[in-house]
């Protein structure tokens, strides 16, 4: 089984916004833990006291 994640930024309905971004990724189910761990390690570089408060763009 694969885990999928898709997210968007912007809107296609607002003529004042120049960009609409749609992105996603797919990982095999056994890789999910390792991806989450690496993202947690990256967040801890920005706020070691509370890495869960960091939102990665």
PDB file of N, CA and C in Angstrom:
ATOM      1  N   UNK A   1       0.838  -1.162   0.000  1.00  0.00           N
ATOM      2  CA  UNK A   1       0.000   0.000   0.000  1.00  0.00           C
ATOM      3  C   UNK A   1       0.896   1.243   0.000  1.00  0.00           C
ATOM      4  N   UNK A   2       0.406   2.290  -0.606  1.00  0.00           N
ATOM      5  CA  UNK A   2       1.119   3.560  -0.657  1.00  0.00           C
ATOM      6  C   UNK A   2       0.327   4.631   0.087  1.00  0.00           C
ATOM      7  N   UNK A   3       1.048   5.562   0.691  1.00  0.00           N
ATOM      8  CA  UNK A   3       0.443   6.715   1.352  1.00  0.00           C
ATOM      9  C   UNK A   3       0.590   7.905   0.417  1.00  0.00           C
ATOM     10  N   UNK A   4      -0.487   8.633   0.209  1.00  0.00           N
ATOM     11  CA  UNK A   4      -0.489   9.785  -0.692  1.00  0.00           C
ATOM     12  C   UNK A   4      -0.812  11.051   0.086  1.00  0.00           C
ATOM     13  N   UNK A   5      -0.165  12.142  -0.292  1.00  0.00           N
ATOM     14  CA  UNK A   5      -0.457  13.437   0.302  1.00  0.00           C
ATOM     15  C   UNK A   5      -0.487  14.466  -0.819  1.00  0.00           C
ATOM     16  N   UNK A   6      -1.542  15.265  -0.848  1.00  0.00           N
ATOM     17  CA  UNK A   6      -1.682  16.321  -1.850  1.00  0.00           C
ATOM     18  C   UNK A   6      -2.114  17.586  -1.125  1.00  0.00           C
ATOM     19  N   UNK A   7      -1.550  18.721  -1.541  1.00  0.00           N
ATOM     20  CA  UNK A   7      -1.918  19.998  -0.939  1.00  0.00           C
ATOM     21  C   UNK A   7      -1.858  21.068  -2.014  1.00  0.00           C
ATOM     22  N   UNK A   8      -2.600  22.141  -1.779  1.00  0.00           N
ATOM     23  CA  UNK A   8      -2.615  23.239  -2.738  1.00  0.00           C
ATOM     24  C   UNK A   8      -2.407  24.560  -2.024  1.00  0.00           C
ATOM     25  N   UNK A   9      -1.985  25.531  -2.799  1.00  0.00           N
ATOM     26  CA  UNK A   9      -1.804  26.875  -2.290  1.00  0.00           C
ATOM     27  C   UNK A   9      -2.294  27.849  -3.349  1.00  0.00           C
ATOM     28  N   UNK A  10      -3.082  28.789  -2.944  1.00  0.00           N
ATOM     29  CA  UNK A  10      -3.632  29.739  -3.897  1.00  0.00           C
ATOM     30  C   UNK A  10      -5.012  29.302  -4.347  1.00  0.00           C
ATOM     31  N   UNK A  11      -5.555  30.050  -5.288  1.00  0.00           N
ATOM     32  CA  UNK A  11      -6.876  29.733  -5.819  1.00  0.00           C
ATOM     33  C   UNK A  11      -6.924  30.053  -7.305  1.00  0.00           C
ATOM     34  N   UNK A  12      -7.724  29.321  -8.007  1.00  0.00           N
ATOM     35  CA  UNK A  12      -7.876  29.582  -9.446  1.00  0.00           C
ATOM     36  C   UNK A  12      -8.982  30.592  -9.708  1.00  0.00           C
ATOM     37  N   UNK A  13      -9.753  30.942  -8.673  1.00  0.00           N
ATOM     38  CA  UNK A  13     -10.911  31.826  -8.836  1.00  0.00           C
ATOM     39  C   UNK A  13     -10.599  33.297  -8.578  1.00  0.00           C
ATOM     40  N   UNK A  14      -9.419  33.596  -8.065  1.00  0.00           N
ATOM     41  CA  UNK A  14      -9.063  34.972  -7.722  1.00  0.00           C
ATOM     42  C   UNK A  14      -8.104  35.524  -8.770  1.00  0.00           C
ATOM     43  N   UNK A  15      -8.545  36.464  -9.591  1.00  0.00           N
ATOM     44  CA  UNK A  15      -7.665  37.010 -10.642  1.00  0.00           C
ATOM     45  C   UNK A  15      -6.485  37.808 -10.089  1.00  0.00           C
ATOM     46  N   UNK A  16      -6.515  38.166  -8.794  1.00  0.00           N
ATOM     47  CA  UNK A  16      -5.416  38.906  -8.185  1.00  0.00           C
ATOM     48  C   UNK A  16      -4.259  38.003  -7.797  1.00  0.00           C
ATOM     49  N   UNK A  17      -4.483  36.699  -7.765  1.00  0.00           N
ATOM     50  CA  UNK A  17      -3.412  35.760  -7.434  1.00  0.00           C
ATOM     51  C   UNK A  17      -2.790  35.242  -8.733  1.00  0.00           C
ATOM     52  N   UNK A  18      -1.482  35.409  -8.823  1.00  0.00           N
ATOM     53  CA  UNK A  18      -0.783  35.054 -10.051  1.00  0.00           C
ATOM     54  C   UNK A  18      -0.510  33.552 -10.144  1.00  0.00           C
ATOM     55  N   UNK A  19      -0.380  32.876  -8.996  1.00  0.00           N
ATOM     56  CA  UNK A  19       0.028  31.473  -9.012  1.00  0.00           C
ATOM     57  C   UNK A  19      -0.953  30.583  -8.262  1.00  0.00           C
ATOM     58  N   UNK A  20      -1.079  29.392  -8.751  1.00  0.00           N
ATOM     59  CA  UNK A  20      -1.774  28.313  -8.063  1.00  0.00           C
ATOM     60  C   UNK A  20      -0.823  27.129  -8.068  1.00  0.00           C
ATOM     61  N   UNK A  21      -0.548  26.577  -6.885  1.00  0.00           N
ATOM     62  CA  UNK A  21       0.414  25.485  -6.774  1.00  0.00           C
ATOM     63  C   UNK A  21      -0.302  24.256  -6.222  1.00  0.00           C
ATOM     64  N   UNK A  22      -0.140  23.153  -6.921  1.00  0.00           N
ATOM     65  CA  UNK A  22      -0.671  21.873  -6.472  1.00  0.00           C
ATOM     66  C   UNK A  22       0.509  20.908  -6.413  1.00  0.00           C
ATOM     67  N   UNK A  23       0.724  20.322  -5.244  1.00  0.00           N
ATOM     68  CA  UNK A  23       1.883  19.436  -5.074  1.00  0.00           C
ATOM     69  C   UNK A  23       1.471  18.219  -4.256  1.00  0.00           C
ATOM     70  N   UNK A  24       2.242  17.175  -4.393  1.00  0.00           N
ATOM     71  CA  UNK A  24       1.961  15.980  -3.627  1.00  0.00           C
ATOM     72  C   UNK A  24       3.136  15.025  -3.650  1.00  0.00           C
ATOM     73  N   UNK A  25       3.037  14.001  -2.824  1.00  0.00           N
ATOM     74  CA  UNK A  25       4.050  12.960  -2.852  1.00  0.00           C
ATOM     75  C   UNK A  25       3.423  11.641  -2.431  1.00  0.00           C
ATOM     76  N   UNK A  26       4.113  10.595  -2.747  1.00  0.00           N
ATOM     77  CA  UNK A  26       3.640   9.247  -2.489  1.00  0.00           C
ATOM     78  C   UNK A  26       4.808   8.441  -1.925  1.00  0.00           C
ATOM     79  N   UNK A  27       4.570   7.713  -0.844  1.00  0.00           N
ATOM     80  CA  UNK A  27       5.606   6.854  -0.264  1.00  0.00           C
ATOM     81  C   UNK A  27       5.000   5.490   0.042  1.00  0.00           C
ATOM     82  N   UNK A  28       5.826   4.483  -0.028  1.00  0.00           N
ATOM     83  CA  UNK A  28       5.400   3.154   0.357  1.00  0.00           C
ATOM     84  C   UNK A  28       5.119   3.151   1.851  1.00  0.00           C
ATOM     85  N   UNK A  29       4.126   2.407   2.297  1.00  0.00           N
ATOM     86  CA  UNK A  29       3.652   2.485   3.683  1.00  0.00           C
ATOM     87  C   UNK A  29       4.734   2.286   4.730  1.00  0.00           C
ATOM     88  N   UNK A  30       5.738   1.481   4.461  1.00  0.00           N
ATOM     89  CA  UNK A  30       6.796   1.246   5.456  1.00  0.00           C
ATOM     90  C   UNK A  30       7.811   2.386   5.505  1.00  0.00           C
ATOM     91  N   UNK A  31       7.735   3.327   4.573  1.00  0.00           N
ATOM     92  CA  UNK A  31       8.641   4.472   4.586  1.00  0.00           C
ATOM     93  C   UNK A  31       8.074   5.658   5.345  1.00  0.00           C
ATOM     94  N   UNK A  32       6.799   5.620   5.678  1.00  0.00           N
ATOM     95  CA  UNK A  32       6.147   6.756   6.335  1.00  0.00           C
ATOM     96  C   UNK A  32       6.817   7.165   7.633  1.00  0.00           C
ATOM     97  N   UNK A  33       7.211   6.195   8.440  1.00  0.00           N
ATOM     98  CA  UNK A  33       7.872   6.498   9.711  1.00  0.00           C
ATOM     99  C   UNK A  33       9.156   7.280   9.469  1.00  0.00           C
ATOM    100  N   UNK A  34       9.941   6.839   8.500  1.00  0.00           N
ATOM    101  CA  UNK A  34      11.248   7.469   8.252  1.00  0.00           C
ATOM    102  C   UNK A  34      11.096   8.866   7.669  1.00  0.00           C
ATOM    103  N   UNK A  35      10.102   9.066   6.834  1.00  0.00           N
ATOM    104  CA  UNK A  35       9.843  10.405   6.295  1.00  0.00           C
ATOM    105  C   UNK A  35       9.440  11.338   7.437  1.00  0.00           C
ATOM    106  N   UNK A  36       8.528  10.886   8.306  1.00  0.00           N
ATOM    107  CA  UNK A  36       8.092  11.699   9.443  1.00  0.00           C
ATOM    108  C   UNK A  36       9.259  12.016  10.375  1.00  0.00           C
ATOM    109  N   UNK A  37      10.122  11.040  10.610  1.00  0.00           N
ATOM    110  CA  UNK A  37      11.277  11.265  11.484  1.00  0.00           C
ATOM    111  C   UNK A  37      12.209  12.324  10.896  1.00  0.00           C
ATOM    112  N   UNK A  38      12.478  12.253   9.606  1.00  0.00           N
ATOM    113  CA  UNK A  38      13.345  13.252   8.966  1.00  0.00           C
ATOM    114  C   UNK A  38      12.721  14.650   9.028  1.00  0.00           C
ATOM    115  N   UNK A  39      11.408  14.745   8.809  1.00  0.00           N
ATOM    116  CA  UNK A  39      10.740  16.040   8.899  1.00  0.00           C
ATOM    117  C   UNK A  39      10.771  16.581  10.323  1.00  0.00           C
ATOM    118  N   UNK A  40      10.615  15.703  11.310  1.00  0.00           N
ATOM    119  CA  UNK A  40      10.726  16.124  12.717  1.00  0.00           C
ATOM    120  C   UNK A  40      12.128  16.633  13.028  1.00  0.00           C
ATOM    121  N   UNK A  41      13.147  15.968  12.483  1.00  0.00           N
ATOM    122  CA  UNK A  41      14.530  16.409  12.695  1.00  0.00           C
ATOM    123  C   UNK A  41      14.770  17.786  12.077  1.00  0.00           C
ATOM    124  N   UNK A  42      14.195  18.019  10.910  1.00  0.00           N
ATOM    125  CA  UNK A  42      14.329  19.329  10.257  1.00  0.00           C
ATOM    126  C   UNK A  42      13.635  20.399  11.100  1.00  0.00           C
ATOM    127  N   UNK A  43      12.425  20.111  11.578  1.00  0.00           N
ATOM    128  CA  UNK A  43      11.689  21.076  12.405  1.00  0.00           C
ATOM    129  C   UNK A  43      12.446  21.386  13.694  1.00  0.00           C
ATOM    130  N   UNK A  44      13.120  20.389  14.267  1.00  0.00           N
ATOM    131  CA  UNK A  44      13.872  20.597  15.509  1.00  0.00           C
ATOM    132  C   UNK A  44      15.051  21.550  15.310  1.00  0.00           C
ATOM    133  N   UNK A  45      15.539  21.669  14.105  1.00  0.00           N
ATOM    134  CA  UNK A  45      16.625  22.641  13.837  1.00  0.00           C
ATOM    135  C   UNK A  45      16.132  24.074  13.991  1.00  0.00           C
ATOM    136  N   UNK A  46      14.848  24.312  13.705  1.00  0.00           N
ATOM    137  CA  UNK A  46      14.287  25.658  13.783  1.00  0.00           C
ATOM    138  C   UNK A  46      13.799  25.997  15.181  1.00  0.00           C
ATOM    139  N   UNK A  47      13.273  25.007  15.906  1.00  0.00           N
ATOM    140  CA  UNK A  47      12.781  25.242  17.259  1.00  0.00           C
ATOM    141  C   UNK A  47      13.016  23.979  18.102  1.00  0.00           C
ATOM    142  N   UNK A  48      14.221  23.824  18.641  1.00  0.00           N
ATOM    143  CA  UNK A  48      14.530  22.617  19.407  1.00  0.00           C
ATOM    144  C   UNK A  48      13.627  22.413  20.623  1.00  0.00           C
ATOM    145  N   UNK A  49      13.131  23.504  21.208  1.00  0.00           N
ATOM    146  CA  UNK A  49      12.276  23.380  22.395  1.00  0.00           C
ATOM    147  C   UNK A  49      10.881  22.857  22.065  1.00  0.00           C
ATOM    148  N   UNK A  50      10.382  23.165  20.870  1.00  0.00           N
ATOM    149  CA  UNK A  50       9.031  22.741  20.476  1.00  0.00           C
ATOM    150  C   UNK A  50       8.960  22.508  18.973  1.00  0.00           C
ATOM    151  N   UNK A  51       9.553  21.423  18.479  1.00  0.00           N
ATOM    152  CA  UNK A  51       9.560  21.175  17.036  1.00  0.00           C
ATOM    153  C   UNK A  51       8.169  20.960  16.462  1.00  0.00           C
ATOM    154  N   UNK A  52       7.202  20.549  17.279  1.00  0.00           N
ATOM    155  CA  UNK A  52       5.837  20.342  16.771  1.00  0.00           C
ATOM    156  C   UNK A  52       5.164  21.666  16.409  1.00  0.00           C
ATOM    157  N   UNK A  53       5.671  22.788  16.913  1.00  0.00           N
ATOM    158  CA  UNK A  53       5.100  24.090  16.615  1.00  0.00           C
ATOM    159  C   UNK A  53       5.563  24.634  15.264  1.00  0.00           C
ATOM    160  N   UNK A  54       6.558  23.990  14.665  1.00  0.00           N
ATOM    161  CA  UNK A  54       7.102  24.464  13.389  1.00  0.00           C
ATOM    162  C   UNK A  54       6.256  23.912  12.245  1.00  0.00           C
ATOM    163  N   UNK A  55       5.826  24.799  11.367  1.00  0.00           N
ATOM    164  CA  UNK A  55       5.081  24.386  10.182  1.00  0.00           C
ATOM    165  C   UNK A  55       6.023  24.477   8.983  1.00  0.00           C
ATOM    166  N   UNK A  56       6.281  23.358   8.381  1.00  0.00           N
ATOM    167  CA  UNK A  56       7.162  23.346   7.216  1.00  0.00           C
ATOM    168  C   UNK A  56       6.340  23.661   5.968  1.00  0.00           C
ATOM    169  N   UNK A  57       6.789  24.659   5.190  1.00  0.00           N
ATOM    170  CA  UNK A  57       6.022  25.038   3.993  1.00  0.00           C
ATOM    171  C   UNK A  57       6.121  24.007   2.890  1.00  0.00           C
TER     172      UNK A  57
END
